[in-house]
Each structure stands twice: as structure tokens, then as C-alpha cells.
Amino acid sequence: MAKLTDRITVNPQQCGGRPCIRGMRIRVIDVLDLLASGMSREEILADYPELEPEDIEASLRFARDRIDHPIVAA
């Protein structure tokens, strides 16, 4: 079984090299912005029928993995 983050693709020729969902022109940041604006997963899936529930989960996990590092105090 593939990892959820395998759903995230990065192509320098697409969306300025920003992380996207399964090679589509829907960026991870777009999904995160929709969630942050208060949209439910169900609303996002209704507005973007090409997305799958696992894409939303993969976006969240991708973001979590990117920020999971210690902050060193100066």
C-alpha cells in the first residue's frame, strides 16, 4: 500500500515547483487554505470532485512533516 504522502508530487514545470496533489494543478497549499478558511472536508470534496479524501489527509501529513523540526533558541 502506498504512503499517503506519495499522493503529493513536485514538478518544477508545474505550479512553480510547488507541491501538488497527484500531478494535478491543485497545490497542497490550496487544500490547506481551504481547511484554514473553515471549509469542511466534505465541502472541499464537493467543490473539487477530482480530489479524494486521501488527498486531504496527504496534504495535512505533508505539511506536518515539513514543520516537524525543533526550533533552536538564539
PDB file of N, CA and C in Angstrom:
ATOM      1  N   MET A   1       0.847  -1.187   0.000  1.00  0.00           N
ATOM      2  CA  MET A   1       0.000   0.000   0.000  1.00  0.00           C
ATOM      3  C   MET A   1       0.891   1.249   0.000  1.00  0.00           C
ATOM      4  N   ALA A   2       0.595   2.189  -0.858  1.00  0.00           N
ATOM      5  CA  ALA A   2       1.384   3.415  -0.959  1.00  0.00           C
ATOM      6  C   ALA A   2       1.137   4.305   0.242  1.00  0.00           C
ATOM      7  N   LYS A   3       2.160   5.077   0.590  1.00  0.00           N
ATOM      8  CA  LYS A   3       2.018   6.046   1.662  1.00  0.00           C
ATOM      9  C   LYS A   3       1.129   7.190   1.182  1.00  0.00           C
ATOM     10  N   LEU A   4       0.440   7.818   2.122  1.00  0.00           N
ATOM     11  CA  LEU A   4      -0.405   8.956   1.748  1.00  0.00           C
ATOM     12  C   LEU A   4       0.409  10.064   1.096  1.00  0.00           C
ATOM     13  N   THR A   5       1.614  10.293   1.593  1.00  0.00           N
ATOM     14  CA  THR A   5       2.405  11.383   1.023  1.00  0.00           C
ATOM     15  C   THR A   5       2.887  11.074  -0.390  1.00  0.00           C
ATOM     16  N   ASP A   6       2.743   9.837  -0.868  1.00  0.00           N
ATOM     17  CA  ASP A   6       3.049   9.539  -2.263  1.00  0.00           C
ATOM     18  C   ASP A   6       2.052  10.237  -3.193  1.00  0.00           C
ATOM     19  N   ARG A   7       0.947  10.718  -2.648  1.00  0.00           N
ATOM     20  CA  ARG A   7      -0.046  11.449  -3.432  1.00  0.00           C
ATOM     21  C   ARG A   7       0.419  12.867  -3.744  1.00  0.00           C
ATOM     22  N   ILE A   8       1.474  13.310  -3.071  1.00  0.00           N
ATOM     23  CA  ILE A   8       1.992  14.658  -3.268  1.00  0.00           C
ATOM     24  C   ILE A   8       3.117  14.595  -4.292  1.00  0.00           C
ATOM     25  N   THR A   9       2.996  15.405  -5.332  1.00  0.00           N
ATOM     26  CA  THR A   9       4.003  15.430  -6.391  1.00  0.00           C
ATOM     27  C   THR A   9       4.618  16.816  -6.492  1.00  0.00           C
ATOM     28  N   VAL A  10       5.874  16.845  -6.900  1.00  0.00           N
ATOM     29  CA  VAL A  10       6.577  18.107  -7.121  1.00  0.00           C
ATOM     30  C   VAL A  10       7.208  18.032  -8.500  1.00  0.00           C
ATOM     31  N   ASN A  11       6.814  18.962  -9.347  1.00  0.00           N
ATOM     32  CA  ASN A  11       7.325  19.018 -10.714  1.00  0.00           C
ATOM     33  C   ASN A  11       7.755  20.466 -10.973  1.00  0.00           C
ATOM     34  N   PRO A  12       9.025  20.691 -11.246  1.00  0.00           N
ATOM     35  CA  PRO A  12       9.495  22.059 -11.472  1.00  0.00           C
ATOM     36  C   PRO A  12       8.765  22.773 -12.610  1.00  0.00           C
ATOM     37  N   GLN A  13       8.157  22.016 -13.509  1.00  0.00           N
ATOM     38  CA  GLN A  13       7.454  22.602 -14.650  1.00  0.00           C
ATOM     39  C   GLN A  13       5.974  22.870 -14.365  1.00  0.00           C
ATOM     40  N   GLN A  14       5.535  22.590 -13.141  1.00  0.00           N
ATOM     41  CA  GLN A  14       4.113  22.744 -12.810  1.00  0.00           C
ATOM     42  C   GLN A  14       3.973  23.548 -11.519  1.00  0.00           C
ATOM     43  N   CYS A  15       3.154  24.559 -11.555  1.00  0.00           N
ATOM     44  CA  CYS A  15       2.849  25.386 -10.373  1.00  0.00           C
ATOM     45  C   CYS A  15       4.117  25.891  -9.703  1.00  0.00           C
ATOM     46  N   GLY A  16       5.111  26.239 -10.493  1.00  0.00           N
ATOM     47  CA  GLY A  16       6.345  26.793  -9.958  1.00  0.00           C
ATOM     48  C   GLY A  16       7.114  25.840  -9.058  1.00  0.00           C
ATOM     49  N   GLY A  17       6.901  24.543  -9.237  1.00  0.00           N
ATOM     50  CA  GLY A  17       7.600  23.557  -8.430  1.00  0.00           C
ATOM     51  C   GLY A  17       7.002  23.354  -7.052  1.00  0.00           C
ATOM     52  N   ARG A  18       5.839  23.939  -6.812  1.00  0.00           N
ATOM     53  CA  ARG A  18       5.193  23.782  -5.515  1.00  0.00           C
ATOM     54  C   ARG A  18       4.526  22.406  -5.426  1.00  0.00           C
ATOM     55  N   PRO A  19       4.433  21.854  -4.222  1.00  0.00           N
ATOM     56  CA  PRO A  19       3.813  20.541  -4.041  1.00  0.00           C
ATOM     57  C   PRO A  19       2.348  20.551  -4.480  1.00  0.00           C
ATOM     58  N   CYS A  20       1.983  19.565  -5.294  1.00  0.00           N
ATOM     59  CA  CYS A  20       0.626  19.443  -5.827  1.00  0.00           C
ATOM     60  C   CYS A  20       0.042  18.073  -5.472  1.00  0.00           C
ATOM     61  N   ILE A  21      -1.245  17.945  -5.706  1.00  0.00           N
ATOM     62  CA  ILE A  21      -1.949  16.698  -5.459  1.00  0.00           C
ATOM     63  C   ILE A  21      -1.934  15.852  -6.731  1.00  0.00           C
ATOM     64  N   ARG A  22      -1.339  14.679  -6.661  1.00  0.00           N
ATOM     65  CA  ARG A  22      -1.349  13.670  -7.727  1.00  0.00           C
ATOM     66  C   ARG A  22      -1.109  14.237  -9.122  1.00  0.00           C
ATOM     67  N   GLY A  23      -0.209  15.193  -9.238  1.00  0.00           N
ATOM     68  CA  GLY A  23       0.132  15.736 -10.545  1.00  0.00           C
ATOM     69  C   GLY A  23      -0.884  16.709 -11.116  1.00  0.00           C
ATOM     70  N   MET A  24      -1.940  16.975 -10.363  1.00  0.00           N
ATOM     71  CA  MET A  24      -2.933  17.954 -10.812  1.00  0.00           C
ATOM     72  C   MET A  24      -2.443  19.359 -10.460  1.00  0.00           C
ATOM     73  N   ARG A  25      -3.131  20.339 -10.933  1.00  0.00           N
ATOM     74  CA  ARG A  25      -2.765  21.716 -10.624  1.00  0.00           C
ATOM     75  C   ARG A  25      -3.492  22.217  -9.374  1.00  0.00           C
ATOM     76  N   ILE A  26      -3.706  21.326  -8.462  1.00  0.00           N
ATOM     77  CA  ILE A  26      -4.244  21.683  -7.149  1.00  0.00           C
ATOM     78  C   ILE A  26      -3.080  21.533  -6.176  1.00  0.00           C
ATOM     79  N   ARG A  27      -2.659  22.679  -5.615  1.00  0.00           N
ATOM     80  CA  ARG A  27      -1.497  22.672  -4.738  1.00  0.00           C
ATOM     81  C   ARG A  27      -1.889  22.259  -3.317  1.00  0.00           C
ATOM     82  N   VAL A  28      -0.921  21.726  -2.608  1.00  0.00           N
ATOM     83  CA  VAL A  28      -1.128  21.383  -1.202  1.00  0.00           C
ATOM     84  C   VAL A  28      -1.589  22.624  -0.438  1.00  0.00           C
ATOM     85  N   ILE A  29      -0.971  23.765  -0.708  1.00  0.00           N
ATOM     86  CA  ILE A  29      -1.339  25.000  -0.010  1.00  0.00           C
ATOM     87  C   ILE A  29      -2.789  25.382  -0.280  1.00  0.00           C
ATOM     88  N   ASP A  30      -3.309  25.062  -1.464  1.00  0.00           N
ATOM     89  CA  ASP A  30      -4.711  25.355  -1.766  1.00  0.00           C
ATOM     90  C   ASP A  30      -5.628  24.559  -0.838  1.00  0.00           C
ATOM     91  N   VAL A  31      -5.321  23.293  -0.655  1.00  0.00           N
ATOM     92  CA  VAL A  31      -6.122  22.442   0.234  1.00  0.00           C
ATOM     93  C   VAL A  31      -6.024  22.950   1.668  1.00  0.00           C
ATOM     94  N   LEU A  32      -4.800  23.292   2.096  1.00  0.00           N
ATOM     95  CA  LEU A  32      -4.621  23.792   3.458  1.00  0.00           C
ATOM     96  C   LEU A  32      -5.349  25.117   3.666  1.00  0.00           C
ATOM     97  N   ASP A  33      -5.309  25.997   2.683  1.00  0.00           N
ATOM     98  CA  ASP A  33      -6.022  27.277   2.775  1.00  0.00           C
ATOM     99  C   ASP A  33      -7.531  27.069   2.897  1.00  0.00           C
ATOM    100  N   LEU A  34      -8.065  26.122   2.148  1.00  0.00           N
ATOM    101  CA  LEU A  34      -9.497  25.843   2.226  1.00  0.00           C
ATOM    102  C   LEU A  34      -9.873  25.341   3.618  1.00  0.00           C
ATOM    103  N   LEU A  35      -9.058  24.448   4.163  1.00  0.00           N
ATOM    104  CA  LEU A  35      -9.317  23.953   5.512  1.00  0.00           C
ATOM    105  C   LEU A  35      -9.207  25.086   6.530  1.00  0.00           C
ATOM    106  N   ALA A  36      -8.189  25.926   6.378  1.00  0.00           N
ATOM    107  CA  ALA A  36      -7.982  27.042   7.311  1.00  0.00           C
ATOM    108  C   ALA A  36      -9.103  28.066   7.238  1.00  0.00           C
ATOM    109  N   SER A  37      -9.746  28.161   6.082  1.00  0.00           N
ATOM    110  CA  SER A  37     -10.847  29.113   5.935  1.00  0.00           C
ATOM    111  C   SER A  37     -12.136  28.617   6.583  1.00  0.00           C
ATOM    112  N   GLY A  38     -12.101  27.367   7.041  1.00  0.00           N
ATOM    113  CA  GLY A  38     -13.271  26.816   7.722  1.00  0.00           C
ATOM    114  C   GLY A  38     -14.078  25.829   6.912  1.00  0.00           C
ATOM    115  N   MET A  39     -13.667  25.565   5.685  1.00  0.00           N
ATOM    116  CA  MET A  39     -14.394  24.583   4.880  1.00  0.00           C
ATOM    117  C   MET A  39     -14.188  23.197   5.466  1.00  0.00           C
ATOM    118  N   SER A  40     -15.227  22.402   5.442  1.00  0.00           N
ATOM    119  CA  SER A  40     -15.115  21.018   5.897  1.00  0.00           C
ATOM    120  C   SER A  40     -14.524  20.177   4.774  1.00  0.00           C
ATOM    121  N   ARG A  41     -14.045  19.006   5.127  1.00  0.00           N
ATOM    122  CA  ARG A  41     -13.530  18.092   4.112  1.00  0.00           C
ATOM    123  C   ARG A  41     -14.608  17.769   3.089  1.00  0.00           C
ATOM    124  N   GLU A  42     -15.824  17.588   3.578  1.00  0.00           N
ATOM    125  CA  GLU A  42     -16.932  17.259   2.674  1.00  0.00           C
ATOM    126  C   GLU A  42     -17.199  18.398   1.692  1.00  0.00           C
ATOM    127  N   GLU A  43     -17.127  19.643   2.165  1.00  0.00           N
ATOM    128  CA  GLU A  43     -17.336  20.792   1.280  1.00  0.00           C
ATOM    129  C   GLU A  43     -16.232  20.885   0.223  1.00  0.00           C
ATOM    130  N   ILE A  44     -15.001  20.636   0.643  1.00  0.00           N
ATOM    131  CA  ILE A  44     -13.879  20.672  -0.306  1.00  0.00           C
ATOM    132  C   ILE A  44     -14.062  19.603  -1.374  1.00  0.00           C
ATOM    133  N   LEU A  45     -14.413  18.410  -0.960  1.00  0.00           N
ATOM    134  CA  LEU A  45     -14.608  17.321  -1.926  1.00  0.00           C
ATOM    135  C   LEU A  45     -15.775  17.604  -2.868  1.00  0.00           C
ATOM    136  N   ALA A  46     -16.801  18.276  -2.378  1.00  0.00           N
ATOM    137  CA  ALA A  46     -17.935  18.631  -3.236  1.00  0.00           C
ATOM    138  C   ALA A  46     -17.538  19.696  -4.261  1.00  0.00           C
ATOM    139  N   ASP A  47     -16.709  20.671  -3.826  1.00  0.00           N
ATOM    140  CA  ASP A  47     -16.276  21.749  -4.722  1.00  0.00           C
ATOM    141  C   ASP A  47     -15.181  21.311  -5.687  1.00  0.00           C
ATOM    142  N   TYR A  48     -14.423  20.302  -5.310  1.00  0.00           N
ATOM    143  CA  TYR A  48     -13.318  19.791  -6.129  1.00  0.00           C
ATOM    144  C   TYR A  48     -13.488  18.289  -6.299  1.00  0.00           C
ATOM    145  N   PRO A  49     -14.394  17.866  -7.174  1.00  0.00           N
ATOM    146  CA  PRO A  49     -14.706  16.440  -7.308  1.00  0.00           C
ATOM    147  C   PRO A  49     -13.523  15.575  -7.761  1.00  0.00           C
ATOM    148  N   GLU A  50     -12.484  16.197  -8.300  1.00  0.00           N
ATOM    149  CA  GLU A  50     -11.314  15.422  -8.698  1.00  0.00           C
ATOM    150  C   GLU A  50     -10.456  15.006  -7.492  1.00  0.00           C
ATOM    151  N   LEU A  51     -10.679  15.659  -6.354  1.00  0.00           N
ATOM    152  CA  LEU A  51      -9.967  15.283  -5.136  1.00  0.00           C
ATOM    153  C   LEU A  51     -10.614  14.073  -4.479  1.00  0.00           C
ATOM    154  N   GLU A  52      -9.807  13.338  -3.758  1.00  0.00           N
ATOM    155  CA  GLU A  52     -10.274  12.188  -2.984  1.00  0.00           C
ATOM    156  C   GLU A  52      -9.984  12.456  -1.515  1.00  0.00           C
ATOM    157  N   PRO A  53     -10.712  11.828  -0.602  1.00  0.00           N
ATOM    158  CA  PRO A  53     -10.473  12.074   0.831  1.00  0.00           C
ATOM    159  C   PRO A  53      -9.012  11.883   1.226  1.00  0.00           C
ATOM    160  N   GLU A  54      -8.345  10.917   0.630  1.00  0.00           N
ATOM    161  CA  GLU A  54      -6.942  10.669   0.948  1.00  0.00           C
ATOM    162  C   GLU A  54      -6.039  11.831   0.538  1.00  0.00           C
ATOM    163  N   ASP A  55      -6.462  12.623  -0.448  1.00  0.00           N
ATOM    164  CA  ASP A  55      -5.673  13.783  -0.867  1.00  0.00           C
ATOM    165  C   ASP A  55      -5.632  14.836   0.233  1.00  0.00           C
ATOM    166  N   ILE A  56      -6.743  15.014   0.911  1.00  0.00           N
ATOM    167  CA  ILE A  56      -6.788  15.987   2.004  1.00  0.00           C
ATOM    168  C   ILE A  56      -5.904  15.507   3.148  1.00  0.00           C
ATOM    169  N   GLU A  57      -6.016  14.249   3.486  1.00  0.00           N
ATOM    170  CA  GLU A  57      -5.179  13.676   4.544  1.00  0.00           C
ATOM    171  C   GLU A  57      -3.701  13.776   4.178  1.00  0.00           C
ATOM    172  N   ALA A  58      -3.370  13.499   2.933  1.00  0.00           N
ATOM    173  CA  ALA A  58      -1.978  13.584   2.483  1.00  0.00           C
ATOM    174  C   ALA A  58      -1.454  15.009   2.581  1.00  0.00           C
ATOM    175  N   SER A  59      -2.290  15.986   2.278  1.00  0.00           N
ATOM    176  CA  SER A  59      -1.884  17.390   2.377  1.00  0.00           C
ATOM    177  C   SER A  59      -1.557  17.755   3.822  1.00  0.00           C
ATOM    178  N   LEU A  60      -2.399  17.312   4.734  1.00  0.00           N
ATOM    179  CA  LEU A  60      -2.157  17.590   6.148  1.00  0.00           C
ATOM    180  C   LEU A  60      -0.885  16.906   6.640  1.00  0.00           C
ATOM    181  N   ARG A  61      -0.695  15.666   6.268  1.00  0.00           N
ATOM    182  CA  ARG A  61       0.510  14.943   6.691  1.00  0.00           C
ATOM    183  C   ARG A  61       1.770  15.549   6.077  1.00  0.00           C
ATOM    184  N   PHE A  62       1.673  15.967   4.830  1.00  0.00           N
ATOM    185  CA  PHE A  62       2.808  16.598   4.166  1.00  0.00           C
ATOM    186  C   PHE A  62       3.210  17.863   4.918  1.00  0.00           C
ATOM    187  N   ALA A  63       2.231  18.684   5.256  1.00  0.00           N
ATOM    188  CA  ALA A  63       2.502  19.920   5.997  1.00  0.00           C
ATOM    189  C   ALA A  63       3.081  19.606   7.372  1.00  0.00           C
ATOM    190  N   ARG A  64       2.528  18.635   8.049  1.00  0.00           N
ATOM    191  CA  ARG A  64       3.025  18.249   9.367  1.00  0.00           C
ATOM    192  C   ARG A  64       4.485  17.817   9.282  1.00  0.00           C
ATOM    193  N   ASP A  65       4.795  17.005   8.292  1.00  0.00           N
ATOM    194  CA  ASP A  65       6.168  16.529   8.146  1.00  0.00           C
ATOM    195  C   ASP A  65       7.138  17.664   7.846  1.00  0.00           C
ATOM    196  N   ARG A  66       6.684  18.662   7.124  1.00  0.00           N
ATOM    197  CA  ARG A  66       7.541  19.793   6.764  1.00  0.00           C
ATOM    198  C   ARG A  66       7.856  20.690   7.956  1.00  0.00           C
ATOM    199  N   ILE A  67       6.958  20.775   8.907  1.00  0.00           N
ATOM    200  CA  ILE A  67       7.202  21.678  10.044  1.00  0.00           C
ATOM    201  C   ILE A  67       7.675  20.950  11.291  1.00  0.00           C
ATOM    202  N   ASP A  68       7.828  19.638  11.234  1.00  0.00           N
ATOM    203  CA  ASP A  68       8.204  18.843  12.396  1.00  0.00           C
ATOM    204  C   ASP A  68       9.724  18.862  12.591  1.00  0.00           C
ATOM    205  N   HIS A  69      10.199  19.973  13.123  1.00  0.00           N
ATOM    206  CA  HIS A  69      11.615  20.069  13.455  1.00  0.00           C
ATOM    207  C   HIS A  69      11.747  20.976  14.671  1.00  0.00           C
ATOM    208  N   PRO A  70      12.784  20.764  15.454  1.00  0.00           N
ATOM    209  CA  PRO A  70      12.940  21.595  16.663  1.00  0.00           C
ATOM    210  C   PRO A  70      13.302  23.036  16.308  1.00  0.00           C
ATOM    211  N   ILE A  71      12.848  23.942  17.134  1.00  0.00           N
ATOM    212  CA  ILE A  71      13.200  25.347  16.995  1.00  0.00           C
ATOM    213  C   ILE A  71      14.343  25.601  17.960  1.00  0.00           C
ATOM    214  N   VAL A  72      15.436  26.099  17.443  1.00  0.00           N
ATOM    215  CA  VAL A  72      16.608  26.368  18.264  1.00  0.00           C
ATOM    216  C   VAL A  72      16.554  27.808  18.734  1.00  0.00           C
ATOM    217  N   ALA A  73      16.569  27.986  20.060  1.00  0.00           N
ATOM    218  CA  ALA A  73      16.535  29.339  20.619  1.00  0.00           C
ATOM    219  C   ALA A  73      17.901  30.005  20.422  1.00  0.00           C
ATOM    220  N   ALA A  74      17.863  31.279  20.158  1.00  0.00           N
ATOM    221  CA  ALA A  74      19.117  32.023  19.938  1.00  0.00           C
ATOM    222  C   ALA A  74      19.769  32.409  21.240  1.00  0.00           C
TER     223      ALA A  74
END
